[in-house]
N, C-alpha and C. Protein backbone atom coordinates (compact mmCIF):
# COMPACT_ATOMS: atom_id res chain seq x y z
N MET A 1 -28.91 0.96 0.79
CA MET A 1 -29.45 0.34 -0.44
C MET A 1 -28.82 1.37 -1.47
N LEU A 2 -28.16 0.80 -2.77
CA LEU A 2 -27.80 1.71 -3.59
C LEU A 2 -29.22 2.38 -4.44
N THR A 3 -29.17 3.43 -4.74
CA THR A 3 -30.34 4.07 -5.54
C THR A 3 -30.14 3.47 -6.89
N ASN A 4 -29.01 3.62 -7.43
CA ASN A 4 -28.93 3.07 -8.62
C ASN A 4 -27.57 2.35 -9.03
N PRO A 5 -27.93 1.00 -9.03
CA PRO A 5 -26.60 0.01 -8.96
C PRO A 5 -25.90 0.13 -10.40
N LYS A 6 -26.42 0.63 -11.45
CA LYS A 6 -25.89 0.68 -12.75
C LYS A 6 -24.52 1.61 -12.80
N ALA A 7 -24.87 2.93 -11.96
CA ALA A 7 -23.91 3.85 -11.86
C ALA A 7 -22.69 3.48 -10.99
N HIS A 8 -22.81 2.26 -10.12
CA HIS A 8 -21.64 1.87 -9.44
C HIS A 8 -20.82 0.94 -10.16
N GLU A 9 -21.20 0.27 -11.27
CA GLU A 9 -20.57 -0.92 -11.60
C GLU A 9 -19.13 -0.45 -12.22
N LYS A 10 -18.85 0.59 -12.70
CA LYS A 10 -17.47 1.00 -12.96
C LYS A 10 -16.50 0.77 -11.66
N ILE A 11 -17.15 1.48 -10.63
CA ILE A 11 -16.44 1.48 -9.33
C ILE A 11 -16.10 -0.19 -8.90
N PHE A 12 -17.16 -1.01 -8.93
CA PHE A 12 -17.08 -2.36 -8.51
C PHE A 12 -15.96 -3.37 -9.36
N ASP A 13 -16.18 -2.92 -10.82
CA ASP A 13 -15.20 -3.37 -11.67
C ASP A 13 -13.79 -3.21 -11.58
N GLN A 14 -13.62 -1.84 -10.99
CA GLN A 14 -12.42 -1.29 -10.75
C GLN A 14 -11.57 -1.85 -9.22
N LEU A 15 -12.45 -2.03 -8.33
CA LEU A 15 -12.24 -2.91 -7.14
C LEU A 15 -11.79 -4.31 -7.36
N ALA A 16 -12.60 -4.76 -8.07
CA ALA A 16 -12.32 -6.22 -8.27
C ALA A 16 -11.03 -6.41 -9.01
N LYS A 17 -10.70 -5.56 -10.05
CA LYS A 17 -9.59 -5.62 -10.80
C LYS A 17 -8.15 -5.26 -9.96
N LEU A 18 -8.44 -4.22 -8.95
CA LEU A 18 -7.24 -4.03 -7.89
C LEU A 18 -7.15 -5.24 -7.02
N TYR A 19 -7.95 -5.80 -6.44
CA TYR A 19 -8.05 -6.95 -5.87
C TYR A 19 -7.31 -7.84 -6.40
N CYS A 20 -7.55 -8.26 -7.61
CA CYS A 20 -6.85 -9.41 -8.19
C CYS A 20 -5.46 -9.08 -8.44
N ASP A 21 -5.46 -7.92 -8.92
CA ASP A 21 -3.96 -7.38 -8.88
C ASP A 21 -3.05 -7.63 -7.71
N LEU A 22 -3.69 -7.16 -6.60
CA LEU A 22 -3.01 -7.12 -5.33
C LEU A 22 -2.92 -8.67 -4.71
N PHE A 23 -3.75 -9.50 -5.25
CA PHE A 23 -3.77 -10.82 -4.83
C PHE A 23 -2.67 -11.49 -5.33
N THR A 24 -2.13 -11.44 -6.95
CA THR A 24 -1.19 -11.93 -7.29
C THR A 24 0.06 -11.15 -7.07
N HIS A 25 0.00 -9.96 -6.57
CA HIS A 25 1.35 -9.48 -6.45
C HIS A 25 2.27 -10.16 -5.20
N ASP A 26 3.69 -10.24 -5.66
CA ASP A 26 4.36 -10.93 -4.96
C ASP A 26 5.02 -10.16 -3.70
N GLY A 27 4.25 -9.68 -2.69
CA GLY A 27 4.55 -8.79 -1.73
C GLY A 27 3.37 -8.31 -1.07
N PHE A 28 3.52 -7.34 -0.33
CA PHE A 28 2.23 -6.69 0.56
C PHE A 28 1.56 -5.75 -0.31
N GLY A 29 0.26 -5.51 0.16
CA GLY A 29 -0.40 -4.30 -0.50
C GLY A 29 -1.48 -4.06 0.25
N ASP A 30 -2.21 -2.72 0.11
CA ASP A 30 -3.39 -2.49 0.79
C ASP A 30 -4.36 -1.81 -0.25
N ILE A 31 -5.64 -1.85 0.01
CA ILE A 31 -6.76 -1.20 -0.64
C ILE A 31 -7.60 -0.34 0.36
N ARG A 32 -7.79 0.76 -0.09
CA ARG A 32 -8.63 1.75 1.05
C ARG A 32 -9.77 2.57 0.18
N ILE A 33 -10.79 2.71 0.67
CA ILE A 33 -11.91 3.56 -0.10
C ILE A 33 -12.08 4.76 1.00
N GLU A 34 -12.21 5.73 0.32
CA GLU A 34 -12.43 7.00 0.83
C GLU A 34 -13.81 7.60 0.15
N MET A 35 -14.63 8.10 0.91
CA MET A 35 -15.82 8.98 0.27
C MET A 35 -16.15 10.10 0.99
N ARG A 36 -16.22 11.12 -0.04
CA ARG A 36 -16.37 12.38 0.48
C ARG A 36 -17.63 12.94 -0.11
N ILE A 37 -18.34 13.64 0.77
CA ILE A 37 -19.57 14.39 0.41
C ILE A 37 -19.50 15.64 -0.28
N LEU A 38 -19.72 15.66 -1.49
CA LEU A 38 -19.70 17.05 -2.32
C LEU A 38 -21.10 17.76 -2.48
N ARG A 39 -21.11 18.96 -2.92
CA ARG A 39 -22.47 19.65 -3.02
C ARG A 39 -23.14 19.01 -4.16
N ARG A 40 -24.51 19.17 -4.12
CA ARG A 40 -25.51 18.93 -5.07
C ARG A 40 -25.52 17.42 -4.98
N ASN A 41 -25.77 16.76 -3.96
CA ASN A 41 -26.19 15.54 -3.69
C ASN A 41 -25.30 14.75 -4.19
N GLN A 42 -24.06 14.80 -4.39
CA GLN A 42 -22.93 13.85 -4.92
C GLN A 42 -21.97 13.53 -3.94
N LYS A 43 -21.16 12.34 -4.25
CA LYS A 43 -20.28 11.82 -3.44
C LYS A 43 -18.96 11.71 -4.50
N GLU A 44 -17.74 11.97 -3.71
CA GLU A 44 -16.52 11.49 -4.51
C GLU A 44 -15.97 10.37 -3.95
N ILE A 45 -15.77 9.25 -4.76
CA ILE A 45 -15.24 8.00 -4.28
C ILE A 45 -13.86 8.10 -4.86
N ILE A 46 -12.86 7.64 -3.72
CA ILE A 46 -11.37 7.55 -4.12
C ILE A 46 -10.98 6.33 -3.53
N ILE A 47 -10.31 5.66 -4.57
CA ILE A 47 -9.79 4.29 -4.27
C ILE A 47 -8.28 4.33 -4.16
N HIS A 48 -7.76 4.02 -3.04
CA HIS A 48 -6.26 4.22 -2.75
C HIS A 48 -5.75 2.83 -2.80
N CYS A 49 -4.78 2.47 -3.64
CA CYS A 49 -4.43 1.06 -3.65
C CYS A 49 -2.66 1.18 -3.86
N GLY A 50 -2.19 0.45 -3.03
CA GLY A 50 -0.50 0.49 -3.05
C GLY A 50 -0.17 -0.94 -2.84
N LYS A 51 1.04 -1.07 -3.41
CA LYS A 51 1.89 -2.01 -3.31
C LYS A 51 3.22 -2.01 -2.52
N GLN A 52 3.58 -2.94 -1.86
CA GLN A 52 4.76 -2.98 -0.96
C GLN A 52 5.57 -3.86 -1.22
N TYR A 53 7.22 -3.65 -1.29
CA TYR A 53 7.93 -4.67 -1.64
C TYR A 53 8.77 -4.68 -0.23
N ARG A 54 8.86 -5.88 0.61
CA ARG A 54 9.51 -5.53 2.00
C ARG A 54 10.59 -6.55 1.78
N TYR A 55 11.84 -6.27 2.56
CA TYR A 55 12.82 -7.20 2.30
C TYR A 55 13.46 -7.16 3.72
N VAL A 56 14.12 -8.18 4.25
CA VAL A 56 14.69 -8.25 5.47
C VAL A 56 16.25 -8.77 5.38
N LEU A 57 16.87 -7.91 6.00
CA LEU A 57 18.24 -8.36 5.60
C LEU A 57 18.95 -8.53 7.15
N ASP A 58 20.08 -9.43 7.34
CA ASP A 58 20.85 -9.59 8.53
C ASP A 58 21.75 -8.26 8.68
N CYS A 59 21.70 -7.95 9.82
CA CYS A 59 22.39 -6.39 10.10
C CYS A 59 23.86 -6.53 9.88
N ASP A 60 24.47 -7.47 9.96
CA ASP A 60 25.78 -7.42 9.69
C ASP A 60 26.00 -7.27 8.02
N GLN A 61 25.08 -7.80 7.29
CA GLN A 61 25.25 -7.77 5.93
C GLN A 61 24.77 -6.39 5.34
N ALA A 62 23.69 -5.69 6.16
CA ALA A 62 23.41 -4.55 5.60
C ALA A 62 24.33 -3.15 6.13
N LEU A 63 25.30 -3.68 7.07
CA LEU A 63 26.06 -2.60 7.53
C LEU A 63 27.55 -2.86 6.81
N ALA A 64 27.47 -3.93 6.06
CA ALA A 64 28.92 -4.30 5.36
C ALA A 64 29.49 -2.97 4.60
N SER A 65 28.56 -2.31 3.86
CA SER A 65 28.93 -1.40 2.71
C SER A 65 29.27 0.06 3.34
N GLU A 66 28.96 0.31 4.81
CA GLU A 66 29.23 1.43 5.60
C GLU A 66 30.65 1.49 5.90
N SER A 67 31.07 2.78 6.10
CA SER A 67 32.47 2.89 6.85
C SER A 67 32.53 2.12 8.09
N ALA A 68 33.96 1.93 8.41
CA ALA A 68 34.11 1.16 9.82
C ALA A 68 33.56 1.91 10.95
N ILE A 69 33.54 3.04 10.92
CA ILE A 69 33.16 3.88 12.24
C ILE A 69 31.91 3.73 12.22
N LYS A 70 31.17 4.05 11.34
CA LYS A 70 29.68 4.00 11.16
C LYS A 70 29.15 2.46 11.65
N HIS A 71 29.72 1.55 10.96
CA HIS A 71 29.63 0.04 11.24
C HIS A 71 29.67 -0.48 12.57
N LEU A 72 30.66 0.04 13.52
CA LEU A 72 30.96 0.08 14.82
C LEU A 72 29.69 0.66 15.69
N LEU A 73 29.53 1.66 15.32
CA LEU A 73 28.47 2.66 16.09
C LEU A 73 27.10 1.91 15.97
N LYS A 74 26.70 1.58 14.63
CA LYS A 74 25.63 1.22 14.63
C LYS A 74 25.29 -0.21 15.29
N ARG A 75 26.56 -1.10 15.29
CA ARG A 75 26.43 -2.46 15.74
C ARG A 75 26.50 -2.30 17.26
N ASP A 76 26.92 -1.19 17.95
CA ASP A 76 26.77 -1.13 19.41
C ASP A 76 25.35 -0.71 19.69
N LEU A 77 24.83 0.25 18.88
CA LEU A 77 23.37 0.71 19.22
C LEU A 77 22.53 -0.62 18.94
N LEU A 78 22.47 -1.42 17.92
CA LEU A 78 21.67 -2.46 17.80
C LEU A 78 21.81 -3.62 18.37
N SER A 79 23.05 -3.72 19.28
CA SER A 79 22.91 -4.82 20.08
C SER A 79 22.36 -4.56 21.76
């Protein structure tokens, strides 16, 4: 149970804002919360939030801009 819920409002507001931001993001994302115990009966709360943009390309198209030798080597490795 939270001893002082008022002290946590800023953190909850930030989490809600980040959640909405990731939900509307046109891609992948993640939120992670880290808590560390500090001295003097304190805790440090760290919110990690990242967005990811992922793309999938066909191998032939992805290899088209490379030299002919690299293209043949990678094509052999990927098949």
